Amino acid sequence: MQLSNLYLFQNDIRYSHEQLFTLAKFAETNSFTNIKPISILRTSGDLKHYIRDGLHRCIAIYLAGRELLTQEYVIEPRNKIDLNSISYKNGYFTPFNIRTEVRLADLTEFREGLKLEIVKSKDIKYWIWDNQHIYKTIREWYHDNIIDFLDEKYPNLRVRYEQYKNGV
């Protein structure tokens, strides 16, 4: 799978550069096959591929200078999860429009608020709709490609990784 064909599911990264560099160094000579595979969501209709879980590993693979190996990811069909709806059964509480929005990278505030609301109320959907701003934001042009995302948000990341490898 070519990394340049992958769209982002979230707005940013949570890992430090050093954490990404450690993963990238590993990815240069190893594969991510002994852990949960990277989850790629394929939409119906336009058949776009979104990184649902595993953005940091994808960035590490990019920094390592290679593409995703078939055994490192699984493709989930879009109909497995209705991203626009709350699903109590599946534990999905952050509905958003994947074509126009992205989830925030850090959902800590949302999760903590949700836990408190669950204790207070059996019907949490109104709280979720009132607090969308703490779990999603507008999709920017650079979220439509992992390479554009890195070039826009972290333009020197690849250079810094090379310096890290060379002990500079």
C-alpha atoms as a PDB file:
ATOM      1  CA  MET A   1       0.000   0.000   0.000  1.00  0.00           C
ATOM      2  CA  GLN A   2       1.451   3.355  -0.981  1.00  0.00           C
ATOM      3  CA  LEU A   3       1.555   5.844   1.862  1.00  0.00           C
ATOM      4  CA  SER A   4       0.828   8.683  -0.548  1.00  0.00           C
ATOM      5  CA  ASN A   5      -2.645   7.188  -1.134  1.00  0.00           C
ATOM      6  CA  LEU A   6      -3.637   7.317   2.526  1.00  0.00           C
ATOM      7  CA  TYR A   7      -5.918   9.969   3.993  1.00  0.00           C
ATOM      8  CA  LEU A   8      -5.754  10.993   7.630  1.00  0.00           C
ATOM      9  CA  PHE A   9      -8.476  10.149  10.135  1.00  0.00           C
ATOM     10  CA  GLN A  10      -7.101  12.559  12.748  1.00  0.00           C
ATOM     11  CA  ASN A  11      -5.770  16.107  12.672  1.00  0.00           C
ATOM     12  CA  ASP A  12      -2.304  15.632  14.142  1.00  0.00           C
ATOM     13  CA  ILE A  13       0.142  13.306  15.870  1.00  0.00           C
ATOM     14  CA  ARG A  14       0.498  12.653  19.598  1.00  0.00           C
ATOM     15  CA  TYR A  15       3.998  11.149  19.619  1.00  0.00           C
ATOM     16  CA  SER A  16       7.123  13.204  20.158  1.00  0.00           C
ATOM     17  CA  HIS A  17       9.644  13.362  17.340  1.00  0.00           C
ATOM     18  CA  GLU A  18      11.980  11.155  19.324  1.00  0.00           C
ATOM     19  CA  GLN A  19       9.268   8.503  19.690  1.00  0.00           C
ATOM     20  CA  LEU A  20       8.619   8.662  15.926  1.00  0.00           C
ATOM     21  CA  PHE A  21      12.353   8.403  15.233  1.00  0.00           C
ATOM     22  CA  THR A  22      12.640   5.311  17.446  1.00  0.00           C
ATOM     23  CA  LEU A  23       9.790   3.683  15.528  1.00  0.00           C
ATOM     24  CA  ALA A  24      11.337   4.714  12.193  1.00  0.00           C
ATOM     25  CA  LYS A  25      14.712   3.223  13.088  1.00  0.00           C
ATOM     26  CA  PHE A  26      12.909  -0.027  13.903  1.00  0.00           C
ATOM     27  CA  ALA A  27      10.935   0.165  10.621  1.00  0.00           C
ATOM     28  CA  GLU A  28      14.107   0.444   8.548  1.00  0.00           C
ATOM     29  CA  THR A  29      15.011  -3.180   9.182  1.00  0.00           C
ATOM     30  CA  ASN A  30      11.822  -4.656  10.646  1.00  0.00           C
ATOM     31  CA  SER A  31       8.104  -4.807   9.996  1.00  0.00           C
ATOM     32  CA  PHE A  32       5.184  -4.097  12.297  1.00  0.00           C
ATOM     33  CA  THR A  33       3.711  -7.588  12.053  1.00  0.00           C
ATOM     34  CA  ASN A  34       3.846  -8.795  15.663  1.00  0.00           C
ATOM     35  CA  ILE A  35       1.320  -6.229  16.885  1.00  0.00           C
ATOM     36  CA  LYS A  36      -2.222  -5.218  15.984  1.00  0.00           C
ATOM     37  CA  PRO A  37      -2.241  -4.359  12.259  1.00  0.00           C
ATOM     38  CA  ILE A  38      -2.651  -0.797  11.047  1.00  0.00           C
ATOM     39  CA  SER A  39      -6.348  -0.248  10.451  1.00  0.00           C
ATOM     40  CA  ILE A  40      -7.208   1.334   7.111  1.00  0.00           C
ATOM     41  CA  LEU A  41     -10.808   2.253   6.441  1.00  0.00           C
ATOM     42  CA  ARG A  42     -11.967   2.061   2.816  1.00  0.00           C
ATOM     43  CA  THR A  43     -14.948   4.223   1.963  1.00  0.00           C
ATOM     44  CA  SER A  44     -17.614   2.963  -0.382  1.00  0.00           C
ATOM     45  CA  GLY A  45     -18.191   4.836  -3.611  1.00  0.00           C
ATOM     46  CA  ASP A  46     -14.928   6.769  -3.956  1.00  0.00           C
ATOM     47  CA  LEU A  47     -12.860   3.913  -2.410  1.00  0.00           C
ATOM     48  CA  LYS A  48     -10.533   6.265  -0.503  1.00  0.00           C
ATOM     49  CA  HIS A  49      -8.309   4.783   2.188  1.00  0.00           C
ATOM     50  CA  TYR A  50      -8.136   6.443   5.628  1.00  0.00           C
ATOM     51  CA  ILE A  51      -5.680   5.583   8.393  1.00  0.00           C
ATOM     52  CA  ARG A  52      -8.079   4.742  11.199  1.00  0.00           C
ATOM     53  CA  ASP A  53      -5.498   3.389  13.634  1.00  0.00           C
ATOM     54  CA  GLY A  54      -1.738   3.389  13.085  1.00  0.00           C
ATOM     55  CA  LEU A  55      -0.830   6.910  11.919  1.00  0.00           C
ATOM     56  CA  HIS A  56       2.382   6.958  13.956  1.00  0.00           C
ATOM     57  CA  ARG A  57       3.519   3.642  12.476  1.00  0.00           C
ATOM     58  CA  CYS A  58       2.734   4.948   8.974  1.00  0.00           C
ATOM     59  CA  ILE A  59       4.834   8.047   9.641  1.00  0.00           C
ATOM     60  CA  ALA A  60       7.667   5.859  10.944  1.00  0.00           C
ATOM     61  CA  ILE A  61       7.487   3.735   7.799  1.00  0.00           C
ATOM     62  CA  TYR A  62       7.604   6.893   5.663  1.00  0.00           C
ATOM     63  CA  LEU A  63      10.650   8.163   7.577  1.00  0.00           C
ATOM     64  CA  ALA A  64      12.269   4.740   7.132  1.00  0.00           C
ATOM     65  CA  GLY A  65      11.907   5.197   3.363  1.00  0.00           C
ATOM     66  CA  ARG A  66       9.636   2.286   2.587  1.00  0.00           C
ATOM     67  CA  GLU A  67       5.970   1.517   1.910  1.00  0.00           C
ATOM     68  CA  LEU A  68       3.479  -0.466   3.970  1.00  0.00           C
ATOM     69  CA  LEU A  69       3.845  -4.227   3.716  1.00  0.00           C
ATOM     70  CA  THR A  70       0.666  -6.204   3.056  1.00  0.00           C
ATOM     71  CA  GLN A  71       0.954  -8.011   6.385  1.00  0.00           C
ATOM     72  CA  GLU A  72       1.220  -4.716   8.322  1.00  0.00           C
ATOM     73  CA  TYR A  73      -2.341  -3.517   7.693  1.00  0.00           C
ATOM     74  CA  VAL A  74      -5.949  -4.583   7.336  1.00  0.00           C
ATOM     75  CA  ILE A  75      -8.558  -2.838   5.226  1.00  0.00           C
ATOM     76  CA  GLU A  76     -11.946  -2.379   6.831  1.00  0.00           C
ATOM     77  CA  PRO A  77     -14.928  -1.654   4.609  1.00  0.00           C
ATOM     78  CA  ARG A  78     -16.668   1.637   5.399  1.00  0.00           C
ATOM     79  CA  ASN A  79     -19.952  -0.069   6.230  1.00  0.00           C
ATOM     80  CA  LYS A  80     -18.356  -1.769   9.259  1.00  0.00           C
ATOM     81  CA  ILE A  81     -18.688   1.479  11.195  1.00  0.00           C
ATOM     82  CA  ASP A  82     -21.144   4.263  10.552  1.00  0.00           C
ATOM     83  CA  LEU A  83     -18.869   7.204  11.294  1.00  0.00           C
ATOM     84  CA  ASN A  84     -21.772   9.657  11.244  1.00  0.00           C
ATOM     85  CA  SER A  85     -23.643   7.964  14.086  1.00  0.00           C
ATOM     86  CA  ILE A  86     -23.142   7.121  17.727  1.00  0.00           C
ATOM     87  CA  SER A  87     -23.009   3.354  18.255  1.00  0.00           C
ATOM     88  CA  TYR A  88     -23.426   2.237  21.848  1.00  0.00           C
ATOM     89  CA  LYS A  89     -23.072  -1.395  20.765  1.00  0.00           C
ATOM     90  CA  ASN A  90     -19.674  -0.808  19.105  1.00  0.00           C
ATOM     91  CA  GLY A  91     -18.454   1.726  21.674  1.00  0.00           C
ATOM     92  CA  TYR A  92     -18.275   4.450  19.020  1.00  0.00           C
ATOM     93  CA  PHE A  93     -19.040   7.886  20.461  1.00  0.00           C
ATOM     94  CA  THR A  94     -17.345  10.368  18.110  1.00  0.00           C
ATOM     95  CA  PRO A  95     -19.477  10.767  14.986  1.00  0.00           C
ATOM     96  CA  PHE A  96     -18.048  12.905  12.188  1.00  0.00           C
ATOM     97  CA  ASN A  97     -18.160  13.366   8.428  1.00  0.00           C
ATOM     98  CA  ILE A  98     -14.967  11.710   7.163  1.00  0.00           C
ATOM     99  CA  ARG A  99     -14.950  13.773   3.949  1.00  0.00           C
ATOM    100  CA  THR A 100     -15.107  17.201   5.644  1.00  0.00           C
ATOM    101  CA  GLU A 101     -13.826  16.593   9.185  1.00  0.00           C
ATOM    102  CA  VAL A 102     -11.057  14.828  11.119  1.00  0.00           C
ATOM    103  CA  ARG A 103     -10.935  13.609  14.691  1.00  0.00           C
ATOM    104  CA  LEU A 104      -8.639  15.387  17.088  1.00  0.00           C
ATOM    105  CA  ALA A 105      -5.461  13.480  17.874  1.00  0.00           C
ATOM    106  CA  ASP A 106      -5.939  13.824  21.626  1.00  0.00           C
ATOM    107  CA  LEU A 107      -9.368  12.707  22.816  1.00  0.00           C
ATOM    108  CA  THR A 108      -8.513  12.814  26.534  1.00  0.00           C
ATOM    109  CA  GLU A 109     -10.824  15.730  27.348  1.00  0.00           C
ATOM    110  CA  PHE A 110     -13.679  14.131  25.420  1.00  0.00           C
ATOM    111  CA  ARG A 111     -13.212  10.717  27.058  1.00  0.00           C
ATOM    112  CA  GLU A 112     -13.053  12.190  30.560  1.00  0.00           C
ATOM    113  CA  GLY A 113     -16.185  14.266  29.934  1.00  0.00           C
ATOM    114  CA  LEU A 114     -17.982  11.260  28.458  1.00  0.00           C
ATOM    115  CA  LYS A 115     -17.193   9.110  31.506  1.00  0.00           C
ATOM    116  CA  LEU A 116     -18.662  11.766  33.803  1.00  0.00           C
ATOM    117  CA  GLU A 117     -21.742  12.129  31.615  1.00  0.00           C
ATOM    118  CA  ILE A 118     -22.348   8.375  31.496  1.00  0.00           C
ATOM    119  CA  VAL A 119     -22.474   8.327  35.305  1.00  0.00           C
ATOM    120  CA  LYS A 120     -24.989  11.219  35.331  1.00  0.00           C
ATOM    121  CA  SER A 121     -27.231  10.252  32.430  1.00  0.00           C
ATOM    122  CA  LYS A 122     -28.333   7.224  30.462  1.00  0.00           C
ATOM    123  CA  ASP A 123     -28.790   9.288  27.298  1.00  0.00           C
ATOM    124  CA  ILE A 124     -25.435  10.813  26.409  1.00  0.00           C
ATOM    125  CA  LYS A 125     -26.112  11.684  22.755  1.00  0.00           C
ATOM    126  CA  TYR A 126     -27.047  15.293  23.569  1.00  0.00           C
ATOM    127  CA  TRP A 127     -23.840  15.782  25.524  1.00  0.00           C
ATOM    128  CA  ILE A 128     -21.848  14.342  22.598  1.00  0.00           C
ATOM    129  CA  TRP A 129     -23.511  16.654  20.061  1.00  0.00           C
ATOM    130  CA  ASP A 130     -22.963  19.656  22.353  1.00  0.00           C
ATOM    131  CA  ASN A 131     -19.266  18.800  22.731  1.00  0.00           C
ATOM    132  CA  GLN A 132     -18.239  17.974  19.168  1.00  0.00           C
ATOM    133  CA  HIS A 133     -15.567  20.678  19.355  1.00  0.00           C
ATOM    134  CA  ILE A 134     -13.521  18.532  21.766  1.00  0.00           C
ATOM    135  CA  TYR A 135     -13.277  15.536  19.434  1.00  0.00           C
ATOM    136  CA  LYS A 136     -13.356  16.807  15.831  1.00  0.00           C
ATOM    137  CA  THR A 137     -12.334  19.686  13.591  1.00  0.00           C
ATOM    138  CA  ILE A 138     -12.464  20.753   9.935  1.00  0.00           C
ATOM    139  CA  ARG A 139     -10.522  18.631   7.419  1.00  0.00           C
ATOM    140  CA  GLU A 140      -7.736  20.700   5.839  1.00  0.00           C
ATOM    141  CA  TRP A 141      -6.275  20.048   2.376  1.00  0.00           C
ATOM    142  CA  TYR A 142      -3.170  18.421   3.867  1.00  0.00           C
ATOM    143  CA  HIS A 143      -5.228  15.783   5.705  1.00  0.00           C
ATOM    144  CA  ASP A 144      -5.946  14.183   2.319  1.00  0.00           C
ATOM    145  CA  ASN A 145      -2.449  12.778   1.980  1.00  0.00           C
ATOM    146  CA  ILE A 146       0.026  11.625   4.619  1.00  0.00           C
ATOM    147  CA  ILE A 147       2.979  13.100   2.668  1.00  0.00           C
ATOM    148  CA  ASP A 148       1.295  16.515   2.304  1.00  0.00           C
ATOM    149  CA  PHE A 149       0.418  16.413   5.997  1.00  0.00           C
ATOM    150  CA  LEU A 150       4.049  15.877   6.998  1.00  0.00           C
ATOM    151  CA  ASP A 151       5.340  18.460   4.523  1.00  0.00           C
ATOM    152  CA  GLU A 152       2.845  21.064   5.776  1.00  0.00           C
ATOM    153  CA  LYS A 153       2.915  20.435   9.524  1.00  0.00           C
ATOM    154  CA  TYR A 154       6.424  19.001   9.990  1.00  0.00           C
ATOM    155  CA  PRO A 155       8.496  20.166   6.996  1.00  0.00           C
ATOM    156  CA  ASN A 156      11.885  19.252   8.490  1.00  0.00           C
ATOM    157  CA  LEU A 157      10.921  15.932  10.039  1.00  0.00           C
ATOM    158  CA  ARG A 158      12.755  13.788   7.488  1.00  0.00           C
ATOM    159  CA  VAL A 159      15.927  15.920   7.788  1.00  0.00           C
ATOM    160  CA  ARG A 160      15.716  15.781  11.568  1.00  0.00           C
ATOM    161  CA  TYR A 161      15.329  12.007  11.399  1.00  0.00           C
ATOM    162  CA  GLU A 162      18.504  11.717   9.303  1.00  0.00           C
ATOM    163  CA  GLN A 163      20.319  13.902  11.862  1.00  0.00           C
ATOM    164  CA  TYR A 164      18.971  11.722  14.665  1.00  0.00           C
ATOM    165  CA  LYS A 165      20.278   8.578  12.930  1.00  0.00           C
ATOM    166  CA  ASN A 166      23.676  10.201  12.407  1.00  0.00           C
ATOM    167  CA  GLY A 167      23.903  11.389  15.999  1.00  0.00           C
ATOM    168  CA  VAL A 168      23.769  15.098  15.112  1.00  0.00           C
END
